[in-house]
């Protein structure tokens, strides 16, 4: 991938959640919320708190969506990341 975030930004790819409840009921795509966890794909030069391949938790309405090479990504500012799992 030829994308490098600048400054304190992080490029992440959302982690898909299970589409079935504990009782076995399947949830349709139209009813699912977008996951608030993602895997870090690339980091900016000023980012020291997270590393590539970390799983991060971020705010519900954070980031800018981006499509690269047929995949969907999210660009987050470091302040929008709530924690690392």
PDB file of N, CA and C in Angstrom:
ATOM      1  N   UNK A   1       0.850  -1.169   0.000  1.00  0.00           N
ATOM      2  CA  UNK A   1       0.000   0.000   0.000  1.00  0.00           C
ATOM      3  C   UNK A   1       0.896   1.232   0.000  1.00  0.00           C
ATOM      4  N   UNK A   2       0.513   2.203  -0.783  1.00  0.00           N
ATOM      5  CA  UNK A   2       1.306   3.414  -0.905  1.00  0.00           C
ATOM      6  C   UNK A   2       0.649   4.590  -0.197  1.00  0.00           C
ATOM      7  N   UNK A   3       0.203   4.405   1.027  1.00  0.00           N
ATOM      8  CA  UNK A   3      -0.426   5.487   1.783  1.00  0.00           C
ATOM      9  C   UNK A   3       0.258   5.600   3.131  1.00  0.00           C
ATOM     10  N   UNK A   4       0.708   6.795   3.477  1.00  0.00           N
ATOM     11  CA  UNK A   4       1.353   7.047   4.767  1.00  0.00           C
ATOM     12  C   UNK A   4       0.635   8.219   5.421  1.00  0.00           C
ATOM     13  N   UNK A   5      -0.012   8.007   6.565  1.00  0.00           N
ATOM     14  CA  UNK A   5      -0.673   9.110   7.263  1.00  0.00           C
ATOM     15  C   UNK A   5       0.362  10.146   7.729  1.00  0.00           C
ATOM     16  N   UNK A   6      -0.054  11.382   7.787  1.00  0.00           N
ATOM     17  CA  UNK A   6       0.837  12.452   8.223  1.00  0.00           C
ATOM     18  C   UNK A   6       0.591  12.810   9.684  1.00  0.00           C
ATOM     19  N   UNK A   7       1.628  13.242  10.354  1.00  0.00           N
ATOM     20  CA  UNK A   7       1.512  13.738  11.723  1.00  0.00           C
ATOM     21  C   UNK A   7       1.005  12.701  12.699  1.00  0.00           C
ATOM     22  N   UNK A   8      -0.016  13.102  13.467  1.00  0.00           N
ATOM     23  CA  UNK A   8      -0.589  12.219  14.492  1.00  0.00           C
ATOM     24  C   UNK A   8      -1.839  11.525  13.982  1.00  0.00           C
ATOM     25  N   UNK A   9      -1.764  10.957  12.782  1.00  0.00           N
ATOM     26  CA  UNK A   9      -2.893  10.225  12.214  1.00  0.00           C
ATOM     27  C   UNK A   9      -2.537   8.753  12.051  1.00  0.00           C
ATOM     28  N   UNK A  10      -3.588   7.928  12.072  1.00  0.00           N
ATOM     29  CA  UNK A  10      -3.427   6.477  11.991  1.00  0.00           C
ATOM     30  C   UNK A  10      -4.404   5.946  10.950  1.00  0.00           C
ATOM     31  N   UNK A  11      -3.939   5.057  10.083  1.00  0.00           N
ATOM     32  CA  UNK A  11      -4.801   4.396   9.102  1.00  0.00           C
ATOM     33  C   UNK A  11      -5.187   3.040   9.680  1.00  0.00           C
ATOM     34  N   UNK A  12      -6.498   2.787   9.782  1.00  0.00           N
ATOM     35  CA  UNK A  12      -6.985   1.540  10.374  1.00  0.00           C
ATOM     36  C   UNK A  12      -7.989   0.878   9.453  1.00  0.00           C
ATOM     37  N   UNK A  13      -8.168  -0.423   9.658  1.00  0.00           N
ATOM     38  CA  UNK A  13      -9.196  -1.187   8.951  1.00  0.00           C
ATOM     39  C   UNK A  13     -10.094  -1.799  10.008  1.00  0.00           C
ATOM     40  N   UNK A  14     -11.398  -1.554   9.873  1.00  0.00           N
ATOM     41  CA  UNK A  14     -12.348  -2.031  10.880  1.00  0.00           C
ATOM     42  C   UNK A  14     -12.305  -3.548  11.016  1.00  0.00           C
ATOM     43  N   UNK A  15     -12.490  -4.019  12.240  1.00  0.00           N
ATOM     44  CA  UNK A  15     -12.569  -5.445  12.531  1.00  0.00           C
ATOM     45  C   UNK A  15     -14.042  -5.820  12.496  1.00  0.00           C
ATOM     46  N   UNK A  16     -14.399  -6.752  11.625  1.00  0.00           N
ATOM     47  CA  UNK A  16     -15.795  -7.165  11.506  1.00  0.00           C
ATOM     48  C   UNK A  16     -16.218  -7.968  12.728  1.00  0.00           C
ATOM     49  N   UNK A  17     -17.423  -7.705  13.193  1.00  0.00           N
ATOM     50  CA  UNK A  17     -17.961  -8.414  14.349  1.00  0.00           C
ATOM     51  C   UNK A  17     -18.863  -9.542  13.888  1.00  0.00           C
ATOM     52  N   UNK A  18     -19.117 -10.469  14.767  1.00  0.00           N
ATOM     53  CA  UNK A  18     -19.996 -11.612  14.495  1.00  0.00           C
ATOM     54  C   UNK A  18     -21.394 -11.114  14.164  1.00  0.00           C
ATOM     55  N   UNK A  19     -22.013 -11.668  13.129  1.00  0.00           N
ATOM     56  CA  UNK A  19     -23.353 -11.239  12.739  1.00  0.00           C
ATOM     57  C   UNK A  19     -24.434 -12.161  13.279  1.00  0.00           C
ATOM     58  N   UNK A  20     -24.111 -12.883  14.360  1.00  0.00           N
ATOM     59  CA  UNK A  20     -25.068 -13.786  14.974  1.00  0.00           C
ATOM     60  C   UNK A  20     -25.070 -13.532  16.476  1.00  0.00           C
ATOM     61  N   UNK A  21     -26.254 -13.478  17.071  1.00  0.00           N
ATOM     62  CA  UNK A  21     -26.357 -13.267  18.513  1.00  0.00           C
ATOM     63  C   UNK A  21     -26.004 -14.547  19.255  1.00  0.00           C
ATOM     64  N   UNK A  22     -25.895 -14.448  20.563  1.00  0.00           N
ATOM     65  CA  UNK A  22     -25.574 -15.613  21.382  1.00  0.00           C
ATOM     66  C   UNK A  22     -26.649 -16.688  21.292  1.00  0.00           C
ATOM     67  N   UNK A  23     -27.875 -16.287  21.027  1.00  0.00           N
ATOM     68  CA  UNK A  23     -28.967 -17.262  20.925  1.00  0.00           C
ATOM     69  C   UNK A  23     -29.104 -17.851  19.525  1.00  0.00           C
ATOM     70  N   UNK A  24     -28.247 -17.410  18.581  1.00  0.00           N
ATOM     71  CA  UNK A  24     -28.248 -17.992  17.249  1.00  0.00           C
ATOM     72  C   UNK A  24     -29.003 -17.223  16.196  1.00  0.00           C
ATOM     73  N   UNK A  25     -29.497 -16.039  16.526  1.00  0.00           N
ATOM     74  CA  UNK A  25     -30.247 -15.231  15.562  1.00  0.00           C
ATOM     75  C   UNK A  25     -29.254 -14.416  14.730  1.00  0.00           C
ATOM     76  N   UNK A  26     -29.415 -14.467  13.399  1.00  0.00           N
ATOM     77  CA  UNK A  26     -28.544 -13.703  12.505  1.00  0.00           C
ATOM     78  C   UNK A  26     -29.041 -12.268  12.388  1.00  0.00           C
ATOM     79  N   UNK A  27     -28.116 -11.327  12.453  1.00  0.00           N
ATOM     80  CA  UNK A  27     -28.437  -9.910  12.353  1.00  0.00           C
ATOM     81  C   UNK A  27     -28.179  -9.458  10.915  1.00  0.00           C
ATOM     82  N   UNK A  28     -29.166  -8.872  10.241  1.00  0.00           N
ATOM     83  CA  UNK A  28     -28.943  -8.406   8.858  1.00  0.00           C
ATOM     84  C   UNK A  28     -27.996  -7.207   8.836  1.00  0.00           C
ATOM     85  N   UNK A  29     -27.306  -7.026   7.715  1.00  0.00           N
ATOM     86  CA  UNK A  29     -26.349  -5.937   7.576  1.00  0.00           C
ATOM     87  C   UNK A  29     -26.983  -4.566   7.808  1.00  0.00           C
ATOM     88  N   UNK A  30     -28.231  -4.411   7.425  1.00  0.00           N
ATOM     89  CA  UNK A  30     -28.892  -3.121   7.577  1.00  0.00           C
ATOM     90  C   UNK A  30     -29.145  -2.758   9.038  1.00  0.00           C
ATOM     91  N   UNK A  31     -29.155  -3.736   9.929  1.00  0.00           N
ATOM     92  CA  UNK A  31     -29.430  -3.488  11.342  1.00  0.00           C
ATOM     93  C   UNK A  31     -28.164  -3.414  12.189  1.00  0.00           C
ATOM     94  N   UNK A  32     -27.027  -3.767  11.613  1.00  0.00           N
ATOM     95  CA  UNK A  32     -25.785  -3.773  12.387  1.00  0.00           C
ATOM     96  C   UNK A  32     -25.193  -2.378  12.491  1.00  0.00           C
ATOM     97  N   UNK A  33     -24.582  -2.099  13.635  1.00  0.00           N
ATOM     98  CA  UNK A  33     -23.810  -0.879  13.779  1.00  0.00           C
ATOM     99  C   UNK A  33     -22.390  -1.150  13.302  1.00  0.00           C
ATOM    100  N   UNK A  34     -21.725  -0.100  12.833  1.00  0.00           N
ATOM    101  CA  UNK A  34     -20.340  -0.261  12.416  1.00  0.00           C
ATOM    102  C   UNK A  34     -19.496  -0.513  13.656  1.00  0.00           C
ATOM    103  N   UNK A  35     -18.530  -1.413  13.558  1.00  0.00           N
ATOM    104  CA  UNK A  35     -17.703  -1.719  14.732  1.00  0.00           C
ATOM    105  C   UNK A  35     -16.844  -0.531  15.127  1.00  0.00           C
ATOM    106  N   UNK A  36     -16.544  -0.432  16.414  1.00  0.00           N
ATOM    107  CA  UNK A  36     -15.693   0.656  16.907  1.00  0.00           C
ATOM    108  C   UNK A  36     -14.308   0.142  17.269  1.00  0.00           C
ATOM    109  N   UNK A  37     -13.933  -1.000  16.726  1.00  0.00           N
ATOM    110  CA  UNK A  37     -12.573  -1.515  16.877  1.00  0.00           C
ATOM    111  C   UNK A  37     -11.973  -1.687  15.495  1.00  0.00           C
ATOM    112  N   UNK A  38     -10.661  -1.527  15.427  1.00  0.00           N
ATOM    113  CA  UNK A  38      -9.996  -1.616  14.131  1.00  0.00           C
ATOM    114  C   UNK A  38      -8.541  -2.037  14.321  1.00  0.00           C
ATOM    115  N   UNK A  39      -7.979  -2.584  13.253  1.00  0.00           N
ATOM    116  CA  UNK A  39      -6.573  -2.993  13.239  1.00  0.00           C
ATOM    117  C   UNK A  39      -5.762  -1.875  12.582  1.00  0.00           C
ATOM    118  N   UNK A  40      -4.652  -1.501  13.205  1.00  0.00           N
ATOM    119  CA  UNK A  40      -3.801  -0.431  12.686  1.00  0.00           C
ATOM    120  C   UNK A  40      -3.018  -0.952  11.488  1.00  0.00           C
ATOM    121  N   UNK A  41      -3.106  -0.225  10.368  1.00  0.00           N
ATOM    122  CA  UNK A  41      -2.442  -0.612   9.126  1.00  0.00           C
ATOM    123  C   UNK A  41      -1.205   0.243   8.884  1.00  0.00           C
ATOM    124  N   UNK A  42      -1.286   1.546   9.176  1.00  0.00           N
ATOM    125  CA  UNK A  42      -0.161   2.464   8.985  1.00  0.00           C
ATOM    126  C   UNK A  42      -0.261   3.582  10.011  1.00  0.00           C
ATOM    127  N   UNK A  43       0.888   4.147  10.403  1.00  0.00           N
ATOM    128  CA  UNK A  43       0.914   5.217  11.394  1.00  0.00           C
ATOM    129  C   UNK A  43       1.719   6.400  10.869  1.00  0.00           C
ATOM    130  N   UNK A  44       1.371   7.585  11.360  1.00  0.00           N
ATOM    131  CA  UNK A  44       2.092   8.790  11.008  1.00  0.00           C
ATOM    132  C   UNK A  44       3.416   8.875  11.749  1.00  0.00           C
ATOM    133  N   UNK A  45       4.258   9.797  11.354  1.00  0.00           N
ATOM    134  CA  UNK A  45       5.606   9.910  11.913  1.00  0.00           C
ATOM    135  C   UNK A  45       5.627  10.365  13.363  1.00  0.00           C
ATOM    136  N   UNK A  46       4.581  11.036  13.835  1.00  0.00           N
ATOM    137  CA  UNK A  46       4.548  11.539  15.210  1.00  0.00           C
ATOM    138  C   UNK A  46       3.814  10.621  16.182  1.00  0.00           C
ATOM    139  N   UNK A  47       3.379   9.455  15.735  1.00  0.00           N
ATOM    140  CA  UNK A  47       2.611   8.533  16.581  1.00  0.00           C
ATOM    141  C   UNK A  47       3.567   7.598  17.310  1.00  0.00           C
ATOM    142  N   UNK A  48       3.510   7.622  18.637  1.00  0.00           N
ATOM    143  CA  UNK A  48       4.373   6.766  19.458  1.00  0.00           C
ATOM    144  C   UNK A  48       3.570   5.775  20.303  1.00  0.00           C
ATOM    145  N   UNK A  49       2.267   6.055  20.511  1.00  0.00           N
ATOM    146  CA  UNK A  49       1.454   5.264  21.433  1.00  0.00           C
ATOM    147  C   UNK A  49       0.944   3.956  20.850  1.00  0.00           C
ATOM    148  N   UNK A  50       0.766   3.869  19.537  1.00  0.00           N
ATOM    149  CA  UNK A  50       0.259   2.650  18.905  1.00  0.00           C
ATOM    150  C   UNK A  50       1.244   2.162  17.851  1.00  0.00           C
ATOM    151  N   UNK A  51       1.155   0.883  17.551  1.00  0.00           N
ATOM    152  CA  UNK A  51       2.032   0.259  16.559  1.00  0.00           C
ATOM    153  C   UNK A  51       1.187  -0.406  15.478  1.00  0.00           C
ATOM    154  N   UNK A  52       1.810  -0.696  14.356  1.00  0.00           N
ATOM    155  CA  UNK A  52       1.135  -1.413  13.281  1.00  0.00           C
ATOM    156  C   UNK A  52       0.730  -2.792  13.801  1.00  0.00           C
ATOM    157  N   UNK A  53      -0.442  -3.258  13.435  1.00  0.00           N
ATOM    158  CA  UNK A  53      -1.066  -4.529  13.831  1.00  0.00           C
ATOM    159  C   UNK A  53      -1.714  -4.483  15.214  1.00  0.00           C
ATOM    160  N   UNK A  54      -1.672  -3.349  15.926  1.00  0.00           N
ATOM    161  CA  UNK A  54      -2.413  -3.214  17.175  1.00  0.00           C
ATOM    162  C   UNK A  54      -3.903  -3.135  16.859  1.00  0.00           C
ATOM    163  N   UNK A  55      -4.739  -3.544  17.800  1.00  0.00           N
ATOM    164  CA  UNK A  55      -6.185  -3.369  17.685  1.00  0.00           C
ATOM    165  C   UNK A  55      -6.567  -2.216  18.588  1.00  0.00           C
ATOM    166  N   UNK A  56      -7.235  -1.211  18.024  1.00  0.00           N
ATOM    167  CA  UNK A  56      -7.582  -0.013  18.783  1.00  0.00           C
ATOM    168  C   UNK A  56      -9.091   0.148  18.867  1.00  0.00           C
ATOM    169  N   UNK A  57      -9.528   0.866  19.891  1.00  0.00           N
ATOM    170  CA  UNK A  57     -10.932   1.215  20.083  1.00  0.00           C
ATOM    171  C   UNK A  57     -11.033   2.720  19.865  1.00  0.00           C
ATOM    172  N   UNK A  58     -12.041   3.142  19.084  1.00  0.00           N
ATOM    173  CA  UNK A  58     -12.174   4.565  18.779  1.00  0.00           C
ATOM    174  C   UNK A  58     -13.619   5.000  18.941  1.00  0.00           C
ATOM    175  N   UNK A  59     -13.845   6.304  18.969  1.00  0.00           N
ATOM    176  CA  UNK A  59     -15.176   6.869  19.133  1.00  0.00           C
ATOM    177  C   UNK A  59     -16.089   6.543  17.968  1.00  0.00           C
ATOM    178  N   UNK A  60     -17.379   6.520  18.226  1.00  0.00           N
ATOM    179  CA  UNK A  60     -18.373   6.090  17.242  1.00  0.00           C
ATOM    180  C   UNK A  60     -18.382   6.936  15.970  1.00  0.00           C
ATOM    181  N   UNK A  61     -18.233   8.236  16.075  1.00  0.00           N
ATOM    182  CA  UNK A  61     -18.317   9.124  14.918  1.00  0.00           C
ATOM    183  C   UNK A  61     -16.948   9.692  14.539  1.00  0.00           C
ATOM    184  N   UNK A  62     -15.890   8.969  14.829  1.00  0.00           N
ATOM    185  CA  UNK A  62     -14.533   9.443  14.576  1.00  0.00           C
ATOM    186  C   UNK A  62     -14.050   9.053  13.195  1.00  0.00           C
ATOM    187  N   UNK A  63     -13.098   9.817  12.700  1.00  0.00           N
ATOM    188  CA  UNK A  63     -12.369   9.437  11.506  1.00  0.00           C
ATOM    189  C   UNK A  63     -12.989   9.825  10.183  1.00  0.00           C
ATOM    190  N   UNK A  64     -12.193   9.602   9.145  1.00  0.00           N
ATOM    191  CA  UNK A  64     -12.579   9.860   7.768  1.00  0.00           C
ATOM    192  C   UNK A  64     -12.463   8.565   6.983  1.00  0.00           C
ATOM    193  N   UNK A  65     -13.543   8.164   6.321  1.00  0.00           N
ATOM    194  CA  UNK A  65     -13.532   6.916   5.560  1.00  0.00           C
ATOM    195  C   UNK A  65     -12.766   7.105   4.261  1.00  0.00           C
ATOM    196  N   UNK A  66     -12.076   6.047   3.840  1.00  0.00           N
ATOM    197  CA  UNK A  66     -11.233   6.087   2.660  1.00  0.00           C
ATOM    198  C   UNK A  66     -11.230   4.711   2.013  1.00  0.00           C
ATOM    199  N   UNK A  67     -11.322   4.670   0.690  1.00  0.00           N
ATOM    200  CA  UNK A  67     -11.249   3.405  -0.048  1.00  0.00           C
ATOM    201  C   UNK A  67      -9.923   3.368  -0.799  1.00  0.00           C
ATOM    202  N   UNK A  68      -9.117   2.343  -0.527  1.00  0.00           N
ATOM    203  CA  UNK A  68      -7.823   2.160  -1.183  1.00  0.00           C
ATOM    204  C   UNK A  68      -7.717   0.732  -1.681  1.00  0.00           C
ATOM    205  N   UNK A  69      -7.366   0.569  -2.934  1.00  0.00           N
ATOM    206  CA  UNK A  69      -7.120  -0.749  -3.521  1.00  0.00           C
ATOM    207  C   UNK A  69      -8.274  -1.723  -3.253  1.00  0.00           C
ATOM    208  N   UNK A  70      -9.500  -1.237  -3.324  1.00  0.00           N
ATOM    209  CA  UNK A  70     -10.669  -2.082  -3.167  1.00  0.00           C
ATOM    210  C   UNK A  70     -11.055  -2.416  -1.737  1.00  0.00           C
ATOM    211  N   UNK A  71     -10.388  -1.845  -0.755  1.00  0.00           N
ATOM    212  CA  UNK A  71     -10.714  -2.103   0.652  1.00  0.00           C
ATOM    213  C   UNK A  71     -11.083  -0.787   1.332  1.00  0.00           C
ATOM    214  N   UNK A  72     -11.903  -0.865   2.379  1.00  0.00           N
ATOM    215  CA  UNK A  72     -12.328   0.318   3.121  1.00  0.00           C
ATOM    216  C   UNK A  72     -11.451   0.513   4.348  1.00  0.00           C
ATOM    217  N   UNK A  73     -10.996   1.736   4.543  1.00  0.00           N
ATOM    218  CA  UNK A  73     -10.141   2.095   5.671  1.00  0.00           C
ATOM    219  C   UNK A  73     -10.722   3.325   6.351  1.00  0.00           C
ATOM    220  N   UNK A  74     -10.126   3.665   7.487  1.00  0.00           N
ATOM    221  CA  UNK A  74     -10.528   4.822   8.250  1.00  0.00           C
ATOM    222  C   UNK A  74      -9.262   5.544   8.696  1.00  0.00           C
ATOM    223  N   UNK A  75      -9.225   6.857   8.513  1.00  0.00           N
ATOM    224  CA  UNK A  75      -8.099   7.653   8.996  1.00  0.00           C
ATOM    225  C   UNK A  75      -8.538   8.288  10.307  1.00  0.00           C
ATOM    226  N   UNK A  76      -7.821   7.981  11.383  1.00  0.00           N
ATOM    227  CA  UNK A  76      -8.142   8.504  12.704  1.00  0.00           C
ATOM    228  C   UNK A  76      -7.039   9.433  13.175  1.00  0.00           C
ATOM    229  N   UNK A  77      -7.423  10.470  13.899  1.00  0.00           N
ATOM    230  CA  UNK A  77      -6.433  11.274  14.600  1.00  0.00           C
ATOM    231  C   UNK A  77      -6.143  10.562  15.919  1.00  0.00           C
ATOM    232  N   UNK A  78      -4.954  10.737  16.420  1.00  0.00           N
ATOM    233  CA  UNK A  78      -4.542  10.043  17.638  1.00  0.00           C
ATOM    234  C   UNK A  78      -5.476  10.343  18.810  1.00  0.00           C
ATOM    235  N   UNK A  79      -5.992  11.566  18.884  1.00  0.00           N
ATOM    236  CA  UNK A  79      -6.896  11.946  19.986  1.00  0.00           C
ATOM    237  C   UNK A  79      -8.224  11.198  19.944  1.00  0.00           C
ATOM    238  N   UNK A  80      -8.603  10.645  18.766  1.00  0.00           N
ATOM    239  CA  UNK A  80      -9.856   9.891  18.625  1.00  0.00           C
ATOM    240  C   UNK A  80      -9.738   8.444  19.078  1.00  0.00           C
ATOM    241  N   UNK A  81      -8.517   7.962  19.273  1.00  0.00           N
ATOM    242  CA  UNK A  81      -8.308   6.583  19.720  1.00  0.00           C
ATOM    243  C   UNK A  81      -8.459   6.550  21.233  1.00  0.00           C
ATOM    244  N   UNK A  82      -9.364   5.698  21.718  1.00  0.00           N
ATOM    245  CA  UNK A  82      -9.666   5.622  23.139  1.00  0.00           C
ATOM    246  C   UNK A  82      -8.746   4.650  23.881  1.00  0.00           C
ATOM    247  N   UNK A  83      -8.260   3.621  23.194  1.00  0.00           N
ATOM    248  CA  UNK A  83      -7.396   2.657  23.844  1.00  0.00           C
ATOM    249  C   UNK A  83      -6.905   1.586  22.880  1.00  0.00           C
ATOM    250  N   UNK A  84      -5.952   0.798  23.367  1.00  0.00           N
ATOM    251  CA  UNK A  84      -5.368  -0.281  22.598  1.00  0.00           C
ATOM    252  C   UNK A  84      -5.706  -1.599  23.286  1.00  0.00           C
ATOM    253  N   UNK A  85      -6.119  -2.588  22.497  1.00  0.00           N
ATOM    254  CA  UNK A  85      -6.472  -3.903  23.069  1.00  0.00           C
ATOM    255  C   UNK A  85      -5.301  -4.846  22.929  1.00  0.00           C
TER     256      UNK A  85
END
